Amino acid sequence: MQFVDEANIFVASGKGGDGIIAWRREKYVPKGGPAGGDGGVGGSIIMQADPQLSTLLDFRYIKKYFAEPGKAGGQNNMTGRNGVDEIIRVPVGTLVRNSENNEVIADLVTPFEQVVIAKGGRGGMGNNYYKTATHQAPRKKSDGKPGIELQLTLELKLLADVALVGFPNAGKSTLISRISAAKPKIADYPFTTLVPNLGIVQAPEEHRSFVVADLPGLIEGASEGRGLGLQFLRHIERSAILLFLFDGSDDRQTPEEAYVILKNELELHGKKLNKKPKLFAITKSDTFTEEQSKSLGKMRFDRKKPILISAVAGHNITEIVNELWIRVKTSKEEAE
């Protein structure tokens, strides 16, 4: 299935039904009085977070959504039927914005959460509503209120506890395939990962797990639109922990140089990404000489020591999963 994480749609809630003018017509009651019913309420536009959806692909094909209008009132003071709501199902983690002013209308982060995006128009009043003690036969009614029309931007931000951050070929896909059941495409060329992959990792504690996101690699200038990084930087925003991965076998760039570039791209993107808790790992340790391992192990990133790992050989994989779980668990406890 194609991964789509942004879409633009048009929605319109239903118009309220009109009230009517009517009179009682009963045998032996020559002056029956007003009996015009009120109109029904128009249907609303409702967004619902559906955990079974993982992409906004459907909104590339269906771009307009309409709720049903309310029905007009009836005789004998009968209220018109309310319009049926239009429920639009979106993936969990979808942000809904007003396209015209960029205002956030809803942020659907809980499974099955529902938010009314556009309320249906109120029904009009029939002439019975306007009857008073001094005005027994009003010839007045009101029309239903119009619905609300909105241009919306839907933006999907993946919900993951840990986001893997690194340059292409830093070993992100290999790591997530090792620690979870995710099966990303892995090859020895840039941009192997074209769409985000989510993997559920078994935590050291029994019956506990956490979610890791493997995102397409960043390159210098990603925040300005270069490469594939820009469109996926938004998915890092919801992650609690950032795990930076550096290719220790790359003789063109040291891990320290790589971190300076990556940190700058996160800073340029904004959203306080650099303030998130971080963990650092240098990958492909199975290719290091003893001297390289010592040298790389002495590096510090924001005064933090990296973990040397090899997803292929399994070196320090248990250790990094344990470290990630400690930080994820702490983050969840603080959130509570």
Foldseek 3Di string as FASTA:
>chain_A
DDAAFKAKAKEWWAWWAWWEWDFDDDPPCPHGFTFIAWWAWTAFEKEWAAQVDDHPVVCVPHRYYYWYYTHYTDGRHRYTHYTHHHYHYDHAQKWKAFVVPRHTQDGRHDHGDMDGRWTTWHIKGYVVVVDDPVRGHDPDIGGTGGTDMTIMMIGGADAFQEEEAAAFPLCLQLLLVLQFVWDQQDDPDAQSPQAKDKGWGDAPDPPDIGIYIYGHYDDQCVCVPPDRNNSRLRNLLNHQEYEYGGALVDPVDHPVRRVVRRLVSNVSNDSCSVVHHYAYEYEPCVPDDPVSVVVQQPDADVNHGHHYYYSVVGRCSNVVSNVSVVSSVVSVVVVD
